[in-house]
N, C-alpha and C. Protein backbone atom coordinates (compact mmCIF):
# COMPACT_ATOMS: atom_id res chain seq x y z
N MET A 1 0.84 -1.17 0.00
CA MET A 1 0.00 0.00 0.00
C MET A 1 0.89 1.24 0.00
N SER A 2 0.48 2.24 -0.75
CA SER A 2 1.27 3.46 -0.88
C SER A 2 0.97 4.43 0.26
N LYS A 3 1.97 5.21 0.58
CA LYS A 3 1.82 6.22 1.62
C LYS A 3 1.61 7.58 0.97
N SER A 4 0.71 8.39 1.51
CA SER A 4 0.45 9.71 0.95
C SER A 4 1.64 10.63 1.16
N LEU A 5 1.83 11.53 0.20
CA LEU A 5 2.89 12.52 0.31
C LEU A 5 2.53 13.56 1.36
N THR A 6 3.48 13.93 2.18
CA THR A 6 3.20 14.96 3.17
C THR A 6 3.38 16.35 2.57
N ASN A 7 4.14 16.47 1.46
CA ASN A 7 4.32 17.78 0.85
C ASN A 7 3.24 18.09 -0.18
N ALA A 8 2.26 17.22 -0.33
CA ALA A 8 1.19 17.43 -1.31
C ALA A 8 -0.14 17.72 -0.62
N GLU A 9 -0.08 18.23 0.61
CA GLU A 9 -1.33 18.45 1.34
C GLU A 9 -2.22 19.51 0.71
N HIS A 10 -1.66 20.32 -0.18
CA HIS A 10 -2.47 21.37 -0.79
C HIS A 10 -3.03 20.98 -2.15
N PHE A 11 -2.90 19.73 -2.55
CA PHE A 11 -3.43 19.25 -3.82
C PHE A 11 -4.95 19.17 -3.73
N ASP A 12 -5.63 19.83 -4.66
CA ASP A 12 -7.09 19.84 -4.66
C ASP A 12 -7.59 20.30 -6.02
N PHE A 13 -8.86 20.04 -6.31
CA PHE A 13 -9.49 20.51 -7.54
C PHE A 13 -10.95 20.78 -7.26
N THR A 14 -11.42 21.94 -7.73
CA THR A 14 -12.84 22.31 -7.66
C THR A 14 -13.26 22.70 -9.06
N ASN A 15 -14.32 22.05 -9.57
CA ASN A 15 -14.73 22.38 -10.94
C ASN A 15 -15.52 23.68 -10.98
N LEU A 16 -15.84 24.14 -12.18
CA LEU A 16 -16.52 25.43 -12.34
C LEU A 16 -17.94 25.43 -11.80
N ASP A 17 -18.49 24.24 -11.53
CA ASP A 17 -19.81 24.15 -10.89
C ASP A 17 -19.70 24.25 -9.38
N GLY A 18 -18.46 24.37 -8.85
CA GLY A 18 -18.24 24.50 -7.42
C GLY A 18 -18.12 23.17 -6.70
N GLU A 19 -18.05 22.06 -7.43
CA GLU A 19 -17.93 20.75 -6.79
C GLU A 19 -16.45 20.43 -6.55
N ARG A 20 -16.12 20.18 -5.30
CA ARG A 20 -14.74 19.90 -4.90
C ARG A 20 -14.51 18.40 -4.91
N LEU A 21 -13.35 17.96 -5.41
CA LEU A 21 -13.05 16.54 -5.50
C LEU A 21 -12.62 15.92 -4.18
N ASP A 22 -12.26 16.72 -3.20
CA ASP A 22 -11.86 16.22 -1.89
C ASP A 22 -10.71 15.22 -2.01
N LEU A 23 -9.60 15.68 -2.56
CA LEU A 23 -8.43 14.84 -2.80
C LEU A 23 -7.38 14.96 -1.71
N LEU A 24 -7.66 15.71 -0.67
CA LEU A 24 -6.72 15.95 0.41
C LEU A 24 -6.24 14.62 1.00
N GLY A 25 -4.93 14.42 1.02
CA GLY A 25 -4.35 13.22 1.60
C GLY A 25 -4.32 12.01 0.70
N SER A 26 -4.85 12.12 -0.53
CA SER A 26 -4.89 10.95 -1.41
C SER A 26 -3.69 10.86 -2.34
N CYS A 27 -2.93 11.93 -2.48
CA CYS A 27 -1.82 11.97 -3.44
C CYS A 27 -0.63 11.15 -2.96
N VAL A 28 -0.20 10.22 -3.80
CA VAL A 28 0.96 9.38 -3.50
C VAL A 28 2.20 9.95 -4.18
N SER A 29 2.04 10.44 -5.41
CA SER A 29 3.15 11.06 -6.14
C SER A 29 2.57 11.91 -7.25
N PHE A 30 3.38 12.81 -7.79
CA PHE A 30 2.93 13.62 -8.92
C PHE A 30 4.10 13.97 -9.80
N SER A 31 3.78 14.29 -11.06
CA SER A 31 4.81 14.70 -12.01
C SER A 31 4.26 15.83 -12.88
N ASP A 32 5.17 16.64 -13.38
CA ASP A 32 4.79 17.78 -14.20
C ASP A 32 5.55 17.72 -15.52
N THR A 33 4.89 18.17 -16.59
CA THR A 33 5.55 18.31 -17.89
C THR A 33 5.40 19.76 -18.29
N ILE A 34 6.54 20.44 -18.43
CA ILE A 34 6.52 21.86 -18.74
C ILE A 34 7.27 22.06 -20.05
N ASP A 35 6.52 22.39 -21.10
CA ASP A 35 7.07 22.59 -22.44
C ASP A 35 7.52 24.05 -22.56
N MET A 36 8.70 24.26 -23.09
CA MET A 36 9.25 25.61 -23.24
C MET A 36 8.79 26.29 -24.53
N GLY A 37 8.14 25.56 -25.43
CA GLY A 37 7.66 26.17 -26.67
C GLY A 37 8.76 26.51 -27.65
N ILE A 38 9.78 25.68 -27.70
CA ILE A 38 10.92 25.92 -28.58
C ILE A 38 10.80 25.04 -29.82
N VAL A 39 11.01 25.64 -31.00
CA VAL A 39 11.07 24.86 -32.24
C VAL A 39 12.47 25.02 -32.82
N ALA A 40 12.92 23.97 -33.48
CA ALA A 40 14.23 24.00 -34.15
C ALA A 40 13.99 24.16 -35.64
N LYS A 41 14.68 25.11 -36.23
CA LYS A 41 14.58 25.35 -37.67
C LYS A 41 15.91 24.95 -38.30
N SER A 42 15.87 23.93 -39.13
CA SER A 42 17.08 23.46 -39.81
C SER A 42 17.34 24.31 -41.05
N ILE A 43 18.59 24.47 -41.38
CA ILE A 43 19.02 25.23 -42.55
C ILE A 43 19.59 24.24 -43.57
N VAL A 44 19.17 24.37 -44.81
CA VAL A 44 19.64 23.47 -45.87
C VAL A 44 21.15 23.54 -46.00
N ARG A 45 21.78 22.40 -46.08
CA ARG A 45 23.23 22.23 -46.21
C ARG A 45 24.03 22.85 -45.06
N LYS A 46 23.46 22.91 -43.89
CA LYS A 46 24.14 23.41 -42.69
C LYS A 46 23.89 22.43 -41.54
N ASP A 47 24.89 22.23 -40.71
CA ASP A 47 24.71 21.44 -39.50
C ASP A 47 24.16 22.34 -38.41
N GLY A 48 23.37 21.77 -37.51
CA GLY A 48 22.81 22.54 -36.41
C GLY A 48 21.43 23.07 -36.74
N ALA A 49 20.96 23.98 -35.93
CA ALA A 49 19.62 24.53 -36.10
C ALA A 49 19.53 25.88 -35.41
N ILE A 50 18.54 26.64 -35.79
CA ILE A 50 18.21 27.89 -35.12
C ILE A 50 16.99 27.58 -34.26
N HIS A 51 17.03 27.96 -33.01
CA HIS A 51 15.92 27.71 -32.10
C HIS A 51 15.13 28.99 -31.88
N GLN A 52 13.81 28.83 -31.85
CA GLN A 52 12.94 29.98 -31.67
C GLN A 52 11.81 29.61 -30.74
N ARG A 53 11.47 30.52 -29.88
CA ARG A 53 10.34 30.31 -28.98
C ARG A 53 9.08 30.79 -29.68
N VAL A 54 8.13 29.87 -29.85
CA VAL A 54 6.90 30.20 -30.57
C VAL A 54 5.68 30.22 -29.66
N GLY A 55 5.86 29.87 -28.45
CA GLY A 55 4.73 29.79 -27.52
C GLY A 55 4.62 28.38 -26.99
N ALA A 56 4.51 28.26 -25.72
CA ALA A 56 4.53 26.94 -25.08
C ALA A 56 3.15 26.30 -25.06
N ALA A 57 3.17 24.99 -25.11
CA ALA A 57 1.95 24.22 -24.89
C ALA A 57 1.56 24.37 -23.42
N PRO A 58 0.32 24.06 -23.08
CA PRO A 58 -0.07 24.16 -21.68
C PRO A 58 0.73 23.19 -20.81
N GLN A 59 0.96 23.57 -19.57
CA GLN A 59 1.63 22.68 -18.63
C GLN A 59 0.72 21.50 -18.32
N LYS A 60 1.34 20.34 -18.12
CA LYS A 60 0.58 19.12 -17.83
C LYS A 60 1.00 18.58 -16.47
N TYR A 61 0.01 18.10 -15.72
CA TYR A 61 0.25 17.59 -14.38
C TYR A 61 -0.41 16.23 -14.25
N GLU A 62 0.29 15.30 -13.62
CA GLU A 62 -0.27 13.97 -13.40
C GLU A 62 -0.09 13.61 -11.93
N PHE A 63 -1.19 13.25 -11.28
CA PHE A 63 -1.18 12.90 -9.87
C PHE A 63 -1.59 11.44 -9.71
N ARG A 64 -0.78 10.68 -8.99
CA ARG A 64 -1.09 9.30 -8.68
C ARG A 64 -1.61 9.28 -7.25
N CYS A 65 -2.79 8.72 -7.09
CA CYS A 65 -3.50 8.82 -5.82
C CYS A 65 -4.04 7.46 -5.38
N SER A 66 -4.41 7.38 -4.10
CA SER A 66 -5.05 6.19 -3.54
C SER A 66 -6.25 6.61 -2.71
N LEU A 67 -7.33 5.89 -2.90
CA LEU A 67 -8.51 6.03 -2.04
C LEU A 67 -8.57 4.75 -1.21
N ILE A 68 -8.63 4.89 0.09
CA ILE A 68 -8.59 3.74 0.98
C ILE A 68 -9.80 3.77 1.90
N GLY A 69 -10.44 2.63 2.07
CA GLY A 69 -11.57 2.51 2.98
C GLY A 69 -12.74 1.82 2.32
N PRO A 70 -13.71 1.42 3.11
CA PRO A 70 -14.86 0.69 2.57
C PRO A 70 -15.70 1.53 1.59
N ASP A 71 -15.55 2.85 1.63
CA ASP A 71 -16.30 3.73 0.74
C ASP A 71 -15.50 4.16 -0.49
N CYS A 72 -14.35 3.52 -0.76
CA CYS A 72 -13.48 3.97 -1.84
C CYS A 72 -14.17 3.90 -3.20
N LYS A 73 -15.00 2.90 -3.44
CA LYS A 73 -15.70 2.80 -4.72
C LYS A 73 -16.66 3.98 -4.90
N ALA A 74 -17.44 4.31 -3.89
CA ALA A 74 -18.37 5.43 -3.98
C ALA A 74 -17.62 6.75 -4.18
N ARG A 75 -16.49 6.92 -3.49
CA ARG A 75 -15.70 8.13 -3.64
C ARG A 75 -15.11 8.24 -5.05
N TYR A 76 -14.65 7.11 -5.58
CA TYR A 76 -14.08 7.12 -6.93
C TYR A 76 -15.18 7.41 -7.97
N LEU A 77 -16.34 6.79 -7.84
CA LEU A 77 -17.43 7.03 -8.79
C LEU A 77 -17.89 8.49 -8.74
N ARG A 78 -17.89 9.11 -7.56
CA ARG A 78 -18.23 10.53 -7.45
C ARG A 78 -17.18 11.38 -8.17
N LEU A 79 -15.90 11.05 -7.97
CA LEU A 79 -14.81 11.78 -8.62
C LEU A 79 -14.99 11.74 -10.15
N VAL A 80 -15.25 10.56 -10.69
CA VAL A 80 -15.45 10.41 -12.13
C VAL A 80 -16.67 11.21 -12.59
N SER A 81 -17.76 11.12 -11.84
CA SER A 81 -18.98 11.84 -12.20
C SER A 81 -18.78 13.35 -12.21
N VAL A 82 -18.11 13.88 -11.20
CA VAL A 82 -17.85 15.32 -11.12
C VAL A 82 -16.99 15.76 -12.30
N CYS A 83 -15.96 15.00 -12.60
CA CYS A 83 -15.05 15.37 -13.69
C CYS A 83 -15.72 15.26 -15.06
N LYS A 84 -16.57 14.27 -15.24
CA LYS A 84 -17.27 14.13 -16.52
C LYS A 84 -18.31 15.23 -16.70
N SER A 85 -18.95 15.66 -15.62
CA SER A 85 -19.99 16.68 -15.74
C SER A 85 -19.40 18.05 -16.07
N ASN A 86 -18.22 18.36 -15.52
CA ASN A 86 -17.54 19.62 -15.83
C ASN A 86 -16.06 19.47 -15.47
N PRO A 87 -15.24 19.17 -16.47
CA PRO A 87 -13.82 18.93 -16.19
C PRO A 87 -12.99 20.19 -15.99
N GLU A 88 -13.55 21.37 -16.18
CA GLU A 88 -12.79 22.61 -16.01
C GLU A 88 -12.95 23.14 -14.59
N GLY A 89 -11.88 23.75 -14.07
CA GLY A 89 -11.98 24.31 -12.74
C GLY A 89 -10.68 24.87 -12.23
N LEU A 90 -10.54 24.88 -10.92
CA LEU A 90 -9.37 25.43 -10.25
C LEU A 90 -8.57 24.29 -9.61
N LEU A 91 -7.34 24.11 -10.08
CA LEU A 91 -6.42 23.13 -9.53
C LEU A 91 -5.53 23.81 -8.51
N VAL A 92 -5.36 23.20 -7.35
CA VAL A 92 -4.39 23.67 -6.38
C VAL A 92 -3.24 22.67 -6.43
N HIS A 93 -2.13 23.13 -7.02
CA HIS A 93 -0.95 22.29 -7.20
C HIS A 93 -0.01 22.52 -6.01
N PRO A 94 0.60 21.46 -5.47
CA PRO A 94 1.47 21.63 -4.30
C PRO A 94 2.63 22.60 -4.52
N TRP A 95 3.16 22.70 -5.72
CA TRP A 95 4.29 23.59 -5.99
C TRP A 95 3.89 24.88 -6.68
N PHE A 96 2.94 24.81 -7.62
CA PHE A 96 2.60 25.97 -8.45
C PHE A 96 1.39 26.75 -7.94
N GLY A 97 0.74 26.27 -6.91
CA GLY A 97 -0.40 26.98 -6.34
C GLY A 97 -1.67 26.84 -7.17
N SER A 98 -2.57 27.81 -7.04
CA SER A 98 -3.88 27.76 -7.71
C SER A 98 -3.77 28.22 -9.15
N GLN A 99 -4.44 27.49 -10.03
CA GLN A 99 -4.50 27.87 -11.43
C GLN A 99 -5.65 27.17 -12.11
N ARG A 100 -6.13 27.81 -13.20
CA ARG A 100 -7.21 27.19 -13.98
C ARG A 100 -6.64 25.98 -14.70
N ALA A 101 -7.44 24.91 -14.71
CA ALA A 101 -7.00 23.68 -15.34
C ALA A 101 -8.21 22.87 -15.79
N VAL A 102 -7.94 21.86 -16.59
CA VAL A 102 -8.98 20.95 -17.05
C VAL A 102 -8.50 19.53 -16.77
N VAL A 103 -9.43 18.68 -16.35
CA VAL A 103 -9.10 17.26 -16.15
C VAL A 103 -9.07 16.62 -17.53
N LYS A 104 -7.92 16.07 -17.90
CA LYS A 104 -7.75 15.43 -19.21
C LYS A 104 -8.13 13.96 -19.17
N SER A 105 -7.79 13.27 -18.09
CA SER A 105 -8.10 11.84 -18.01
C SER A 105 -8.01 11.36 -16.57
N ILE A 106 -8.68 10.23 -16.34
CA ILE A 106 -8.63 9.52 -15.06
C ILE A 106 -8.50 8.04 -15.40
N SER A 107 -7.58 7.36 -14.74
CA SER A 107 -7.48 5.91 -14.91
C SER A 107 -7.29 5.30 -13.53
N ALA A 108 -7.83 4.09 -13.36
CA ALA A 108 -7.79 3.47 -12.03
C ALA A 108 -7.42 2.01 -12.13
N THR A 109 -6.94 1.51 -11.00
CA THR A 109 -6.63 0.09 -10.87
C THR A 109 -6.91 -0.34 -9.44
N THR A 110 -7.25 -1.59 -9.28
CA THR A 110 -7.46 -2.15 -7.95
C THR A 110 -6.96 -3.58 -7.97
N SER A 111 -6.70 -4.12 -6.80
CA SER A 111 -6.20 -5.49 -6.68
C SER A 111 -7.11 -6.29 -5.78
N SER A 112 -7.21 -7.56 -6.07
CA SER A 112 -7.95 -8.43 -5.16
C SER A 112 -7.03 -8.79 -4.00
N GLY A 113 -7.58 -9.41 -3.00
CA GLY A 113 -6.75 -9.81 -1.86
C GLY A 113 -6.72 -8.77 -0.77
N ASP A 114 -5.53 -8.43 -0.32
CA ASP A 114 -5.37 -7.54 0.83
C ASP A 114 -5.84 -6.12 0.58
N ALA A 115 -5.84 -5.68 -0.68
CA ALA A 115 -6.16 -4.27 -0.98
C ALA A 115 -7.56 -4.12 -1.55
N ARG A 116 -8.52 -4.89 -1.03
CA ARG A 116 -9.89 -4.81 -1.55
C ARG A 116 -10.52 -3.44 -1.32
N ASP A 117 -10.13 -2.77 -0.28
CA ASP A 117 -10.70 -1.47 0.04
C ASP A 117 -9.78 -0.34 -0.42
N THR A 118 -9.08 -0.55 -1.53
CA THR A 118 -8.16 0.45 -2.06
C THR A 118 -8.32 0.58 -3.56
N ILE A 119 -8.45 1.80 -4.02
CA ILE A 119 -8.44 2.09 -5.46
C ILE A 119 -7.29 3.05 -5.69
N GLU A 120 -6.38 2.65 -6.56
CA GLU A 120 -5.29 3.54 -6.97
C GLU A 120 -5.67 4.13 -8.30
N PHE A 121 -5.53 5.45 -8.43
CA PHE A 121 -5.91 6.10 -9.69
C PHE A 121 -4.93 7.19 -10.05
N THR A 122 -4.92 7.50 -11.33
CA THR A 122 -4.12 8.60 -11.86
C THR A 122 -5.08 9.61 -12.45
N ILE A 123 -4.90 10.85 -12.10
CA ILE A 123 -5.72 11.93 -12.66
C ILE A 123 -4.77 12.93 -13.31
N SER A 124 -5.04 13.22 -14.58
CA SER A 124 -4.19 14.11 -15.36
C SER A 124 -4.89 15.43 -15.62
N PHE A 125 -4.16 16.52 -15.42
CA PHE A 125 -4.68 17.86 -15.64
C PHE A 125 -3.84 18.56 -16.69
N GLU A 126 -4.46 19.55 -17.32
CA GLU A 126 -3.73 20.41 -18.24
C GLU A 126 -4.12 21.85 -17.93
N GLU A 127 -3.13 22.71 -17.88
CA GLU A 127 -3.34 24.13 -17.63
C GLU A 127 -4.33 24.67 -18.66
N SER A 128 -5.22 25.55 -18.24
CA SER A 128 -6.24 26.11 -19.13
C SER A 128 -6.07 27.62 -19.24
N GLY A 129 -6.26 28.15 -20.42
CA GLY A 129 -6.16 29.59 -20.62
C GLY A 129 -5.01 29.94 -21.53
N VAL A 130 -5.02 31.18 -22.00
CA VAL A 130 -4.00 31.68 -22.93
C VAL A 130 -3.20 32.76 -22.22
N LYS A 131 -1.90 32.75 -22.44
CA LYS A 131 -1.01 33.75 -21.85
C LYS A 131 -0.53 34.70 -22.94
N ASP A 132 0.17 35.75 -22.55
CA ASP A 132 0.72 36.69 -23.51
C ASP A 132 1.65 35.98 -24.50
N ALA A 133 1.68 36.48 -25.71
CA ALA A 133 2.58 35.92 -26.72
C ALA A 133 4.02 36.08 -26.29
N PRO A 134 4.87 35.12 -26.61
CA PRO A 134 6.27 35.22 -26.21
C PRO A 134 7.00 36.31 -27.00
N LYS A 135 8.06 36.84 -26.40
CA LYS A 135 8.91 37.80 -27.11
C LYS A 135 9.80 37.01 -28.05
N PRO A 136 10.15 37.58 -29.20
CA PRO A 136 11.02 36.86 -30.13
C PRO A 136 12.38 36.53 -29.49
N SER A 137 12.89 35.36 -29.82
CA SER A 137 14.20 34.99 -29.30
C SER A 137 15.27 35.72 -30.11
N PRO A 138 16.45 35.94 -29.52
CA PRO A 138 17.54 36.64 -30.25
C PRO A 138 17.89 35.96 -31.56
N ALA A 139 17.77 34.64 -31.66
CA ALA A 139 18.11 33.93 -32.89
C ALA A 139 17.14 34.30 -34.03
N ALA A 140 15.95 34.74 -33.67
CA ALA A 140 14.96 35.07 -34.71
C ALA A 140 15.11 36.47 -35.23
N LEU A 141 15.91 37.29 -34.59
CA LEU A 141 16.07 38.68 -35.00
C LEU A 141 17.12 38.85 -36.07
């Protein structure tokens, strides 16, 4: 059985309908993917490339969580229902704080035997919204 992260106590999500997922204490681990928005432009008959910032893709966050207890199935089904009804909302990330995000996917697994009252799931978020256009990189000037 996995142990919850103590540095992830601020992980939470509330959708735009005001429904909170109540994920406090369920996070086992998390990872972030932060794209810098860099493209490489190759030059004919030249080695190397010119790099230019064109605008970054939204940041992506993946949280691996566990629901433990006799009510874990009901809690998981509520989580799925809330996210399917309105996947957009406010994510509270342990490192990056509060930001608008959308739930991209949820996947779950469970085991028979000793962990009958445990559902392990992964919930993936993507940053939502548009930011200012990037300034041209020196290589593009």
